[in-house]
Amino acid sequence: MSEIQAKTVAAGDCTVHVLETGDVGAAAVILLHGMKFNATTWRDLGTLQVLADMGLHVLALDMPGFGASPVCEKSSPEAVLSAFFHSQKLEKAALIGPSMGGRIAMEFAIKHPSMVSALVLAGPVGVMENKGQFDRISAPTLAVWGEADQVSPPSLSEVLADEVPNLRLEIYPQAPHPCYLEQPERWHGHLKEFLAEYLG
């Protein structure tokens, strides 16, 4: 079992709480969260441990105003994430984001393609708002969707499939919006397979 450490770091004008584990010298993976969740969701689900066991450097963030991170309205989520990269001296990282976190990850990958080594999206929101820009994403991308997602309908995956240059799509049978929470074994299996290919 890898030790999971909590720390608070400056991210530009904001401060964010982070759970960190794994090999600090290895390829970095940043876990974002949905609107009803936070960094501890990834610890409780076991995702932090799964990724640490792959030999990766894993960082789960509480975005400002969520979890243990104080509210900060001075910066956009994309700017906070960019500042976090710089504060942690990360030139590149894989981004994993469900729902709201998926939108942050998508928009970051659109604006900073060279900083994203791999992208994993789970039922991301904001797909139509970013339509026409997804061809700027250069990272290999895994998108997973719950078949019964009523927040971000799985039909939106077709937009990503049409526009993202290197996309792999997985639909989770009968799963609702937080499909990764409902089917964690399937989720962790896909994560390990995908990240081993591109970060291994």
N, C-alpha and C. Protein backbone atom coordinates (compact mmCIF):
# COMPACT_ATOMS: atom_id res chain seq x y z
N MET A 1 0.84 -1.20 0.00
CA MET A 1 0.00 0.00 0.00
C MET A 1 0.88 1.25 0.00
N SER A 2 0.64 2.14 -0.94
CA SER A 2 1.38 3.40 -0.97
C SER A 2 0.75 4.38 0.01
N GLU A 3 1.60 5.11 0.70
CA GLU A 3 1.09 6.11 1.64
C GLU A 3 0.46 7.27 0.87
N ILE A 4 -0.69 7.71 1.32
CA ILE A 4 -1.37 8.86 0.72
C ILE A 4 -1.19 10.05 1.64
N GLN A 5 -0.56 11.10 1.14
CA GLN A 5 -0.29 12.28 1.93
C GLN A 5 -1.17 13.44 1.50
N ALA A 6 -1.67 14.18 2.47
CA ALA A 6 -2.46 15.38 2.20
C ALA A 6 -1.55 16.60 2.30
N LYS A 7 -1.70 17.52 1.37
CA LYS A 7 -0.92 18.75 1.44
C LYS A 7 -1.75 19.89 0.86
N THR A 8 -1.34 21.10 1.20
CA THR A 8 -1.98 22.30 0.67
C THR A 8 -0.94 23.08 -0.11
N VAL A 9 -1.26 23.44 -1.34
CA VAL A 9 -0.29 24.12 -2.19
C VAL A 9 -0.91 25.38 -2.80
N ALA A 10 -0.05 26.33 -3.11
CA ALA A 10 -0.48 27.54 -3.80
C ALA A 10 -0.63 27.25 -5.28
N ALA A 11 -1.72 27.74 -5.85
CA ALA A 11 -1.95 27.61 -7.29
C ALA A 11 -2.34 28.99 -7.81
N GLY A 12 -1.34 29.80 -8.09
CA GLY A 12 -1.59 31.18 -8.48
C GLY A 12 -2.18 31.95 -7.31
N ASP A 13 -3.33 32.57 -7.54
CA ASP A 13 -3.99 33.35 -6.49
C ASP A 13 -4.81 32.49 -5.54
N CYS A 14 -4.88 31.19 -5.81
CA CYS A 14 -5.71 30.29 -5.02
C CYS A 14 -4.85 29.27 -4.26
N THR A 15 -5.48 28.61 -3.32
CA THR A 15 -4.84 27.54 -2.56
C THR A 15 -5.67 26.27 -2.75
N VAL A 16 -4.99 25.16 -3.03
CA VAL A 16 -5.73 23.92 -3.24
C VAL A 16 -5.20 22.81 -2.34
N HIS A 17 -6.13 21.98 -1.90
CA HIS A 17 -5.81 20.80 -1.10
C HIS A 17 -5.59 19.63 -2.05
N VAL A 18 -4.58 18.82 -1.77
CA VAL A 18 -4.17 17.75 -2.67
C VAL A 18 -3.92 16.48 -1.87
N LEU A 19 -4.32 15.35 -2.42
CA LEU A 19 -3.91 14.05 -1.93
C LEU A 19 -2.88 13.51 -2.90
N GLU A 20 -1.72 13.12 -2.40
CA GLU A 20 -0.59 12.72 -3.25
C GLU A 20 -0.10 11.34 -2.84
N THR A 21 0.22 10.52 -3.82
CA THR A 21 0.77 9.20 -3.55
C THR A 21 1.58 8.73 -4.76
N GLY A 22 2.29 7.62 -4.58
CA GLY A 22 3.05 7.05 -5.69
C GLY A 22 4.47 7.60 -5.76
N ASP A 23 5.11 7.32 -6.89
CA ASP A 23 6.51 7.67 -7.12
C ASP A 23 6.62 9.08 -7.66
N VAL A 24 7.16 9.98 -6.85
CA VAL A 24 7.23 11.40 -7.22
C VAL A 24 8.05 11.62 -8.50
N GLY A 25 8.97 10.72 -8.78
CA GLY A 25 9.80 10.88 -9.97
C GLY A 25 9.20 10.28 -11.23
N ALA A 26 8.03 9.67 -11.11
CA ALA A 26 7.41 8.98 -12.24
C ALA A 26 6.46 9.90 -13.01
N ALA A 27 5.87 9.36 -14.06
CA ALA A 27 4.88 10.11 -14.85
C ALA A 27 3.73 10.55 -13.94
N ALA A 28 3.30 11.80 -14.10
CA ALA A 28 2.29 12.37 -13.21
C ALA A 28 0.89 12.18 -13.76
N VAL A 29 -0.05 11.92 -12.83
CA VAL A 29 -1.47 11.81 -13.16
C VAL A 29 -2.22 12.73 -12.20
N ILE A 30 -3.05 13.61 -12.75
CA ILE A 30 -3.86 14.52 -11.93
C ILE A 30 -5.31 14.10 -12.02
N LEU A 31 -5.90 13.87 -10.86
CA LEU A 31 -7.31 13.48 -10.77
C LEU A 31 -8.15 14.69 -10.36
N LEU A 32 -9.12 15.02 -11.18
CA LEU A 32 -10.09 16.07 -10.86
C LEU A 32 -11.37 15.39 -10.37
N HIS A 33 -12.40 16.14 -10.06
CA HIS A 33 -13.61 15.55 -9.47
C HIS A 33 -14.86 16.20 -10.03
N GLY A 34 -15.98 15.52 -9.83
CA GLY A 34 -17.27 16.07 -10.23
C GLY A 34 -17.80 17.05 -9.20
N MET A 35 -18.92 17.68 -9.50
CA MET A 35 -19.44 18.76 -8.66
C MET A 35 -19.86 18.28 -7.27
N LYS A 36 -20.32 17.05 -7.14
CA LYS A 36 -20.79 16.54 -5.85
C LYS A 36 -19.70 15.77 -5.11
N PHE A 37 -18.47 15.78 -5.65
CA PHE A 37 -17.41 14.95 -5.09
C PHE A 37 -16.15 15.78 -4.83
N ASN A 38 -15.09 15.12 -4.38
CA ASN A 38 -13.82 15.80 -4.12
C ASN A 38 -12.69 14.79 -4.17
N ALA A 39 -11.49 15.20 -3.76
CA ALA A 39 -10.31 14.34 -3.87
C ALA A 39 -10.48 13.03 -3.10
N THR A 40 -11.16 13.08 -1.96
CA THR A 40 -11.29 11.87 -1.14
C THR A 40 -12.12 10.80 -1.85
N THR A 41 -12.95 11.19 -2.82
CA THR A 41 -13.71 10.22 -3.60
C THR A 41 -12.76 9.22 -4.26
N TRP A 42 -11.64 9.73 -4.78
CA TRP A 42 -10.67 8.87 -5.46
C TRP A 42 -9.93 7.96 -4.48
N ARG A 43 -9.74 8.44 -3.27
CA ARG A 43 -9.12 7.59 -2.24
C ARG A 43 -10.09 6.47 -1.84
N ASP A 44 -11.34 6.86 -1.60
CA ASP A 44 -12.33 5.88 -1.14
C ASP A 44 -12.65 4.84 -2.21
N LEU A 45 -12.63 5.25 -3.47
CA LEU A 45 -12.92 4.34 -4.57
C LEU A 45 -11.76 3.37 -4.83
N GLY A 46 -10.56 3.79 -4.39
CA GLY A 46 -9.38 2.96 -4.61
C GLY A 46 -8.55 3.37 -5.82
N THR A 47 -8.99 4.41 -6.53
CA THR A 47 -8.28 4.83 -7.75
C THR A 47 -6.87 5.32 -7.44
N LEU A 48 -6.70 6.05 -6.34
CA LEU A 48 -5.36 6.52 -5.97
C LEU A 48 -4.41 5.33 -5.82
N GLN A 49 -4.86 4.31 -5.13
CA GLN A 49 -4.02 3.14 -4.90
C GLN A 49 -3.74 2.38 -6.19
N VAL A 50 -4.75 2.22 -7.01
CA VAL A 50 -4.59 1.52 -8.29
C VAL A 50 -3.51 2.18 -9.14
N LEU A 51 -3.55 3.51 -9.22
CA LEU A 51 -2.59 4.24 -10.05
C LEU A 51 -1.20 4.23 -9.41
N ALA A 52 -1.14 4.34 -8.08
CA ALA A 52 0.15 4.27 -7.39
C ALA A 52 0.79 2.91 -7.60
N ASP A 53 -0.02 1.86 -7.62
CA ASP A 53 0.49 0.51 -7.83
C ASP A 53 1.06 0.33 -9.24
N MET A 54 0.69 1.21 -10.15
CA MET A 54 1.24 1.18 -11.51
C MET A 54 2.59 1.89 -11.57
N GLY A 55 3.02 2.46 -10.44
CA GLY A 55 4.29 3.18 -10.39
C GLY A 55 4.19 4.63 -10.82
N LEU A 56 2.97 5.18 -10.81
CA LEU A 56 2.75 6.56 -11.24
C LEU A 56 2.77 7.53 -10.07
N HIS A 57 2.97 8.80 -10.38
CA HIS A 57 2.90 9.89 -9.39
C HIS A 57 1.48 10.46 -9.46
N VAL A 58 0.71 10.26 -8.40
CA VAL A 58 -0.73 10.55 -8.45
C VAL A 58 -1.08 11.73 -7.55
N LEU A 59 -1.83 12.67 -8.11
CA LEU A 59 -2.23 13.88 -7.40
C LEU A 59 -3.73 14.09 -7.60
N ALA A 60 -4.49 14.02 -6.51
CA ALA A 60 -5.94 14.27 -6.57
C ALA A 60 -6.22 15.64 -5.98
N LEU A 61 -6.80 16.52 -6.78
CA LEU A 61 -7.03 17.90 -6.36
C LEU A 61 -8.45 18.13 -5.87
N ASP A 62 -8.59 18.97 -4.85
CA ASP A 62 -9.86 19.62 -4.54
C ASP A 62 -9.83 20.97 -5.24
N MET A 63 -10.69 21.17 -6.20
CA MET A 63 -10.75 22.48 -6.85
C MET A 63 -11.27 23.52 -5.84
N PRO A 64 -10.95 24.81 -6.04
CA PRO A 64 -11.37 25.84 -5.08
C PRO A 64 -12.87 25.78 -4.80
N GLY A 65 -13.21 25.78 -3.51
CA GLY A 65 -14.60 25.74 -3.10
C GLY A 65 -15.14 24.33 -2.93
N PHE A 66 -14.30 23.32 -3.14
CA PHE A 66 -14.72 21.93 -2.99
C PHE A 66 -13.78 21.22 -2.02
N GLY A 67 -14.33 20.20 -1.33
CA GLY A 67 -13.50 19.43 -0.41
C GLY A 67 -12.85 20.33 0.62
N ALA A 68 -11.52 20.24 0.74
CA ALA A 68 -10.79 21.02 1.74
C ALA A 68 -10.13 22.26 1.15
N SER A 69 -10.46 22.61 -0.10
CA SER A 69 -9.90 23.82 -0.72
C SER A 69 -10.83 25.00 -0.50
N PRO A 70 -10.29 26.12 -0.01
CA PRO A 70 -11.14 27.29 0.22
C PRO A 70 -11.66 27.88 -1.09
N VAL A 71 -12.78 28.56 -0.98
CA VAL A 71 -13.35 29.26 -2.13
C VAL A 71 -12.34 30.29 -2.64
N CYS A 72 -12.20 30.37 -3.95
CA CYS A 72 -11.30 31.36 -4.56
C CYS A 72 -11.89 31.73 -5.91
N GLU A 73 -12.33 32.95 -6.04
CA GLU A 73 -12.98 33.39 -7.28
C GLU A 73 -12.07 34.25 -8.14
N LYS A 74 -10.77 34.29 -7.79
CA LYS A 74 -9.84 35.15 -8.53
C LYS A 74 -9.38 34.53 -9.85
N SER A 75 -9.50 33.20 -9.95
CA SER A 75 -8.98 32.51 -11.13
C SER A 75 -10.00 31.50 -11.65
N SER A 76 -9.96 31.28 -12.96
CA SER A 76 -10.81 30.24 -13.56
C SER A 76 -10.24 28.87 -13.21
N PRO A 77 -11.04 27.81 -13.29
CA PRO A 77 -10.51 26.46 -13.03
C PRO A 77 -9.31 26.12 -13.91
N GLU A 78 -9.36 26.53 -15.17
CA GLU A 78 -8.24 26.27 -16.08
C GLU A 78 -6.98 26.99 -15.61
N ALA A 79 -7.13 28.23 -15.13
CA ALA A 79 -5.98 28.99 -14.64
C ALA A 79 -5.43 28.38 -13.36
N VAL A 80 -6.32 27.88 -12.49
CA VAL A 80 -5.89 27.22 -11.26
C VAL A 80 -5.07 25.97 -11.60
N LEU A 81 -5.57 25.19 -12.55
CA LEU A 81 -4.87 23.97 -12.93
C LEU A 81 -3.52 24.29 -13.56
N SER A 82 -3.47 25.31 -14.40
CA SER A 82 -2.21 25.72 -15.01
C SER A 82 -1.21 26.16 -13.94
N ALA A 83 -1.68 26.93 -12.96
CA ALA A 83 -0.81 27.39 -11.87
C ALA A 83 -0.34 26.20 -11.02
N PHE A 84 -1.20 25.20 -10.86
CA PHE A 84 -0.82 24.01 -10.11
C PHE A 84 0.31 23.27 -10.81
N PHE A 85 0.22 23.13 -12.13
CA PHE A 85 1.31 22.52 -12.90
C PHE A 85 2.63 23.22 -12.59
N HIS A 86 2.60 24.54 -12.65
CA HIS A 86 3.83 25.31 -12.45
C HIS A 86 4.34 25.19 -11.01
N SER A 87 3.43 25.22 -10.05
CA SER A 87 3.86 25.15 -8.64
C SER A 87 4.49 23.79 -8.33
N GLN A 88 4.03 22.75 -9.01
CA GLN A 88 4.55 21.40 -8.78
C GLN A 88 5.66 21.03 -9.77
N LYS A 89 6.04 22.01 -10.60
CA LYS A 89 7.10 21.81 -11.60
C LYS A 89 6.78 20.63 -12.54
N LEU A 90 5.54 20.56 -12.95
CA LEU A 90 5.10 19.52 -13.88
C LEU A 90 5.08 20.08 -15.29
N GLU A 91 5.87 19.49 -16.16
CA GLU A 91 5.84 19.91 -17.56
C GLU A 91 4.68 19.26 -18.30
N LYS A 92 4.36 18.02 -17.86
CA LYS A 92 3.29 17.25 -18.50
C LYS A 92 2.63 16.39 -17.46
N ALA A 93 1.35 16.11 -17.64
CA ALA A 93 0.65 15.18 -16.77
C ALA A 93 -0.55 14.60 -17.52
N ALA A 94 -0.96 13.42 -17.10
CA ALA A 94 -2.22 12.86 -17.56
C ALA A 94 -3.33 13.48 -16.72
N LEU A 95 -4.44 13.79 -17.34
CA LEU A 95 -5.59 14.37 -16.64
C LEU A 95 -6.75 13.39 -16.66
N ILE A 96 -7.35 13.19 -15.49
CA ILE A 96 -8.53 12.34 -15.38
C ILE A 96 -9.65 13.17 -14.77
N GLY A 97 -10.78 13.26 -15.46
CA GLY A 97 -11.85 14.10 -14.94
C GLY A 97 -13.24 13.59 -15.29
N PRO A 98 -14.10 13.41 -14.31
CA PRO A 98 -15.50 13.09 -14.57
C PRO A 98 -16.37 14.35 -14.50
N SER A 99 -17.42 14.38 -15.29
CA SER A 99 -18.43 15.43 -15.19
C SER A 99 -17.81 16.83 -15.21
N MET A 100 -17.96 17.62 -14.14
CA MET A 100 -17.35 18.95 -14.08
C MET A 100 -15.85 18.88 -14.25
N GLY A 101 -15.22 17.90 -13.61
CA GLY A 101 -13.78 17.72 -13.75
C GLY A 101 -13.39 17.37 -15.17
N GLY A 102 -14.30 16.67 -15.87
CA GLY A 102 -14.07 16.35 -17.27
C GLY A 102 -14.06 17.61 -18.13
N ARG A 103 -14.95 18.53 -17.82
CA ARG A 103 -14.97 19.79 -18.56
C ARG A 103 -13.67 20.56 -18.35
N ILE A 104 -13.22 20.63 -17.09
CA ILE A 104 -11.96 21.33 -16.79
C ILE A 104 -10.82 20.68 -17.54
N ALA A 105 -10.77 19.34 -17.51
CA ALA A 105 -9.70 18.61 -18.19
C ALA A 105 -9.74 18.83 -19.70
N MET A 106 -10.94 18.77 -20.29
CA MET A 106 -11.09 18.98 -21.73
C MET A 106 -10.61 20.37 -22.13
N GLU A 107 -11.08 21.37 -21.39
CA GLU A 107 -10.75 22.75 -21.76
C GLU A 107 -9.26 23.04 -21.55
N PHE A 108 -8.67 22.39 -20.54
CA PHE A 108 -7.23 22.54 -20.33
C PHE A 108 -6.47 21.89 -21.49
N ALA A 109 -6.91 20.72 -21.92
CA ALA A 109 -6.24 20.02 -23.01
C ALA A 109 -6.38 20.76 -24.34
N ILE A 110 -7.47 21.50 -24.49
CA ILE A 110 -7.67 22.33 -25.69
C ILE A 110 -6.70 23.51 -25.68
N LYS A 111 -6.55 24.14 -24.50
CA LYS A 111 -5.73 25.36 -24.41
C LYS A 111 -4.25 25.05 -24.22
N HIS A 112 -3.93 23.91 -23.62
CA HIS A 112 -2.53 23.57 -23.33
C HIS A 112 -2.22 22.14 -23.80
N PRO A 113 -2.36 21.88 -25.09
CA PRO A 113 -2.20 20.49 -25.57
C PRO A 113 -0.86 19.87 -25.24
N SER A 114 0.20 20.66 -25.23
CA SER A 114 1.54 20.10 -25.00
C SER A 114 1.77 19.70 -23.54
N MET A 115 0.88 20.12 -22.64
CA MET A 115 1.05 19.83 -21.21
C MET A 115 0.28 18.58 -20.78
N VAL A 116 -0.48 17.97 -21.68
CA VAL A 116 -1.31 16.83 -21.34
C VAL A 116 -0.78 15.58 -22.04
N SER A 117 -0.33 14.60 -21.25
CA SER A 117 0.25 13.37 -21.81
C SER A 117 -0.81 12.35 -22.17
N ALA A 118 -1.92 12.38 -21.44
CA ALA A 118 -3.07 11.50 -21.72
C ALA A 118 -4.29 12.13 -21.07
N LEU A 119 -5.46 11.84 -21.61
CA LEU A 119 -6.69 12.46 -21.13
C LEU A 119 -7.75 11.39 -20.94
N VAL A 120 -8.35 11.37 -19.74
CA VAL A 120 -9.43 10.42 -19.45
C VAL A 120 -10.65 11.21 -19.00
N LEU A 121 -11.75 11.02 -19.69
CA LEU A 121 -12.99 11.74 -19.41
C LEU A 121 -14.09 10.75 -19.07
N ALA A 122 -14.84 11.04 -18.01
CA ALA A 122 -15.97 10.19 -17.64
C ALA A 122 -17.25 11.03 -17.63
N GLY A 123 -18.09 10.85 -18.65
CA GLY A 123 -19.32 11.62 -18.75
C GLY A 123 -19.11 13.11 -18.59
N PRO A 124 -18.14 13.70 -19.32
CA PRO A 124 -17.85 15.12 -19.13
C PRO A 124 -19.03 16.01 -19.50
N VAL A 125 -19.21 17.10 -18.77
CA VAL A 125 -20.19 18.11 -19.16
C VAL A 125 -19.44 19.16 -20.00
N GLY A 126 -20.20 20.02 -20.67
CA GLY A 126 -19.58 21.08 -21.46
C GLY A 126 -19.12 20.66 -22.84
N VAL A 127 -19.60 19.52 -23.32
CA VAL A 127 -19.15 19.04 -24.63
C VAL A 127 -19.59 19.98 -25.74
N MET A 128 -20.88 20.32 -25.77
CA MET A 128 -21.38 21.16 -26.87
C MET A 128 -20.78 22.56 -26.83
N GLU A 129 -20.48 23.05 -25.61
CA GLU A 129 -19.89 24.39 -25.48
C GLU A 129 -18.49 24.46 -26.09
N ASN A 130 -17.85 23.32 -26.19
CA ASN A 130 -16.49 23.28 -26.74
C ASN A 130 -16.42 22.64 -28.13
N LYS A 131 -17.58 22.36 -28.69
CA LYS A 131 -17.64 21.73 -30.02
C LYS A 131 -16.88 22.60 -31.04
N GLY A 132 -16.13 21.93 -31.89
CA GLY A 132 -15.35 22.65 -32.89
C GLY A 132 -13.92 22.93 -32.46
N GLN A 133 -13.61 22.67 -31.19
CA GLN A 133 -12.25 22.92 -30.69
C GLN A 133 -11.50 21.64 -30.31
N PHE A 134 -12.21 20.51 -30.33
CA PHE A 134 -11.61 19.27 -29.83
C PHE A 134 -10.45 18.76 -30.68
N ASP A 135 -10.35 19.25 -31.92
CA ASP A 135 -9.23 18.80 -32.75
C ASP A 135 -7.90 19.35 -32.26
N ARG A 136 -7.95 20.28 -31.29
CA ARG A 136 -6.72 20.82 -30.72
C ARG A 136 -6.14 19.89 -29.66
N ILE A 137 -6.92 18.91 -29.22
CA ILE A 137 -6.42 17.97 -28.22
C ILE A 137 -5.48 16.99 -28.91
N SER A 138 -4.23 16.99 -28.47
CA SER A 138 -3.24 16.11 -29.10
C SER A 138 -2.99 14.84 -28.29
N ALA A 139 -3.41 14.82 -27.02
CA ALA A 139 -3.15 13.66 -26.17
C ALA A 139 -4.06 12.49 -26.53
N PRO A 140 -3.57 11.26 -26.39
CA PRO A 140 -4.47 10.12 -26.51
C PRO A 140 -5.57 10.24 -25.47
N THR A 141 -6.80 9.94 -25.85
CA THR A 141 -7.95 10.21 -24.99
C THR A 141 -8.81 8.97 -24.81
N LEU A 142 -9.18 8.71 -23.56
CA LEU A 142 -10.15 7.67 -23.23
C LEU A 142 -11.40 8.36 -22.70
N ALA A 143 -12.54 8.11 -23.32
CA ALA A 143 -13.81 8.65 -22.84
C ALA A 143 -14.71 7.49 -22.42
N VAL A 144 -15.21 7.55 -21.19
CA VAL A 144 -16.15 6.53 -20.72
C VAL A 144 -17.47 7.20 -20.38
N TRP A 145 -18.56 6.50 -20.66
CA TRP A 145 -19.89 7.05 -20.45
C TRP A 145 -20.81 5.98 -19.87
N GLY A 146 -21.68 6.38 -18.98
CA GLY A 146 -22.72 5.48 -18.53
C GLY A 146 -23.84 5.44 -19.55
N GLU A 147 -24.29 4.25 -19.89
CA GLU A 147 -25.34 4.10 -20.89
C GLU A 147 -26.62 4.83 -20.48
N ALA A 148 -26.85 4.94 -19.16
CA ALA A 148 -28.07 5.58 -18.65
C ALA A 148 -27.80 6.99 -18.09
N ASP A 149 -26.71 7.61 -18.54
CA ASP A 149 -26.35 8.96 -18.08
C ASP A 149 -27.41 9.96 -18.52
N GLN A 150 -28.05 10.62 -17.55
CA GLN A 150 -29.08 11.61 -17.87
C GLN A 150 -28.59 13.04 -17.64
N VAL A 151 -27.34 13.17 -17.20
CA VAL A 151 -26.75 14.51 -17.01
C VAL A 151 -25.97 14.92 -18.25
N SER A 152 -25.13 14.03 -18.72
CA SER A 152 -24.38 14.24 -19.95
C SER A 152 -24.66 13.04 -20.85
N PRO A 153 -25.69 13.13 -21.70
CA PRO A 153 -26.15 11.98 -22.46
C PRO A 153 -25.03 11.32 -23.27
N PRO A 154 -25.01 9.98 -23.34
CA PRO A 154 -23.96 9.29 -24.07
C PRO A 154 -23.90 9.64 -25.55
N SER A 155 -24.99 10.21 -26.09
CA SER A 155 -24.95 10.63 -27.50
C SER A 155 -23.90 11.71 -27.74
N LEU A 156 -23.53 12.44 -26.65
CA LEU A 156 -22.51 13.48 -26.79
C LEU A 156 -21.14 12.88 -27.10
N SER A 157 -20.98 11.60 -26.81
CA SER A 157 -19.71 10.96 -27.11
C SER A 157 -19.41 10.99 -28.60
N GLU A 158 -20.46 11.09 -29.41
CA GLU A 158 -20.28 11.11 -30.86
C GLU A 158 -19.54 12.37 -31.30
N VAL A 159 -19.79 13.48 -30.57
CA VAL A 159 -19.08 14.74 -30.87
C VAL A 159 -17.58 14.54 -30.65
N LEU A 160 -17.23 13.94 -29.51
CA LEU A 160 -15.81 13.70 -29.23
C LEU A 160 -15.22 12.72 -30.23
N ALA A 161 -15.98 11.66 -30.54
CA ALA A 161 -15.48 10.66 -31.49
C ALA A 161 -15.21 11.27 -32.86
N ASP A 162 -16.01 12.26 -33.24
CA ASP A 162 -15.84 12.91 -34.54
C ASP A 162 -14.65 13.88 -34.55
N GLU A 163 -14.36 14.50 -33.38
CA GLU A 163 -13.41 15.61 -33.37
C GLU A 163 -12.06 15.33 -32.71
N VAL A 164 -12.04 14.49 -31.68
CA VAL A 164 -10.77 14.22 -31.00
C VAL A 164 -9.95 13.25 -31.85
N PRO A 165 -8.72 13.63 -32.21
CA PRO A 165 -7.94 12.82 -33.16
C PRO A 165 -7.66 11.39 -32.70
N ASN A 166 -7.38 11.18 -31.42
CA ASN A 166 -6.99 9.85 -30.93
C ASN A 166 -7.86 9.48 -29.74
N LEU A 167 -9.08 9.02 -30.02
CA LEU A 167 -10.07 8.77 -28.96
C LEU A 167 -10.45 7.30 -28.88
N ARG A 168 -10.51 6.81 -27.66
CA ARG A 168 -11.05 5.48 -27.38
C ARG A 168 -12.31 5.67 -26.55
N LEU A 169 -13.40 5.03 -26.93
CA LEU A 169 -14.68 5.23 -26.25
C LEU A 169 -15.17 3.92 -25.63
N GLU A 170 -15.61 4.01 -24.38
CA GLU A 170 -16.18 2.87 -23.69
C GLU A 170 -17.53 3.29 -23.09
N ILE A 171 -18.59 2.52 -23.38
CA ILE A 171 -19.91 2.77 -22.81
C ILE A 171 -20.17 1.71 -21.73
N TYR A 172 -20.52 2.15 -20.52
CA TYR A 172 -20.76 1.23 -19.41
C TYR A 172 -22.24 0.86 -19.36
N PRO A 173 -22.57 -0.40 -19.58
CA PRO A 173 -23.97 -0.82 -19.67
C PRO A 173 -24.77 -0.46 -18.41
N GLN A 174 -25.91 0.18 -18.64
CA GLN A 174 -26.90 0.50 -17.59
C GLN A 174 -26.38 1.45 -16.51
N ALA A 175 -25.19 1.99 -16.67
CA ALA A 175 -24.61 2.83 -15.62
C ALA A 175 -25.14 4.26 -15.72
N PRO A 176 -25.34 4.93 -14.57
CA PRO A 176 -25.78 6.32 -14.55
C PRO A 176 -24.59 7.27 -14.77
N HIS A 177 -24.81 8.56 -14.51
CA HIS A 177 -23.80 9.59 -14.78
C HIS A 177 -22.44 9.26 -14.14
N PRO A 178 -22.36 8.99 -12.82
CA PRO A 178 -21.06 8.64 -12.24
C PRO A 178 -20.73 7.17 -12.48
N CYS A 179 -20.54 6.81 -13.74
CA CYS A 179 -20.38 5.40 -14.11
C CYS A 179 -19.16 4.77 -13.45
N TYR A 180 -18.13 5.56 -13.19
CA TYR A 180 -16.92 5.04 -12.56
C TYR A 180 -17.17 4.62 -11.12
N LEU A 181 -18.13 5.26 -10.45
CA LEU A 181 -18.49 4.88 -9.08
C LEU A 181 -19.35 3.62 -9.07
N GLU A 182 -20.18 3.47 -10.10
CA GLU A 182 -21.09 2.33 -10.17
C GLU A 182 -20.39 1.05 -10.60
N GLN A 183 -19.37 1.21 -11.44
CA GLN A 183 -18.67 0.03 -11.98
C GLN A 183 -17.16 0.21 -11.83
N PRO A 184 -16.68 0.25 -10.57
CA PRO A 184 -15.26 0.56 -10.33
C PRO A 184 -14.29 -0.45 -10.92
N GLU A 185 -14.66 -1.72 -10.95
CA GLU A 185 -13.73 -2.71 -11.50
C GLU A 185 -13.53 -2.50 -13.00
N ARG A 186 -14.62 -2.21 -13.68
CA ARG A 186 -14.53 -1.91 -15.12
C ARG A 186 -13.71 -0.64 -15.33
N TRP A 187 -13.99 0.38 -14.51
CA TRP A 187 -13.28 1.67 -14.57
C TRP A 187 -11.78 1.47 -14.36
N HIS A 188 -11.41 0.79 -13.31
CA HIS A 188 -9.99 0.60 -13.02
C HIS A 188 -9.31 -0.26 -14.08
N GLY A 189 -10.03 -1.22 -14.62
CA GLY A 189 -9.48 -2.03 -15.70
C GLY A 189 -9.17 -1.20 -16.93
N HIS A 190 -10.09 -0.34 -17.31
CA HIS A 190 -9.87 0.52 -18.47
C HIS A 190 -8.75 1.53 -18.21
N LEU A 191 -8.73 2.09 -17.00
CA LEU A 191 -7.67 3.05 -16.65
C LEU A 191 -6.30 2.41 -16.77
N LYS A 192 -6.16 1.23 -16.17
CA LYS A 192 -4.85 0.56 -16.17
C LYS A 192 -4.41 0.21 -17.59
N GLU A 193 -5.33 -0.30 -18.38
CA GLU A 193 -4.99 -0.67 -19.75
C GLU A 193 -4.56 0.55 -20.56
N PHE A 194 -5.33 1.63 -20.44
CA PHE A 194 -5.06 2.84 -21.22
C PHE A 194 -3.77 3.52 -20.77
N LEU A 195 -3.61 3.73 -19.46
CA LEU A 195 -2.43 4.45 -18.98
C LEU A 195 -1.15 3.63 -19.13
N ALA A 196 -1.26 2.30 -19.02
CA ALA A 196 -0.08 1.47 -19.23
C ALA A 196 0.43 1.61 -20.67
N GLU A 197 -0.49 1.79 -21.60
CA GLU A 197 -0.12 1.93 -23.01
C GLU A 197 0.57 3.26 -23.28
N TYR A 198 0.08 4.32 -22.65
CA TYR A 198 0.58 5.65 -23.01
C TYR A 198 1.54 6.28 -21.99
N LEU A 199 1.55 5.76 -20.75
CA LEU A 199 2.46 6.30 -19.75
C LEU A 199 3.48 5.26 -19.30
N GLY A 200 3.24 3.99 -19.69
CA GLY A 200 4.06 2.89 -19.20
C GLY A 200 5.53 3.02 -19.56
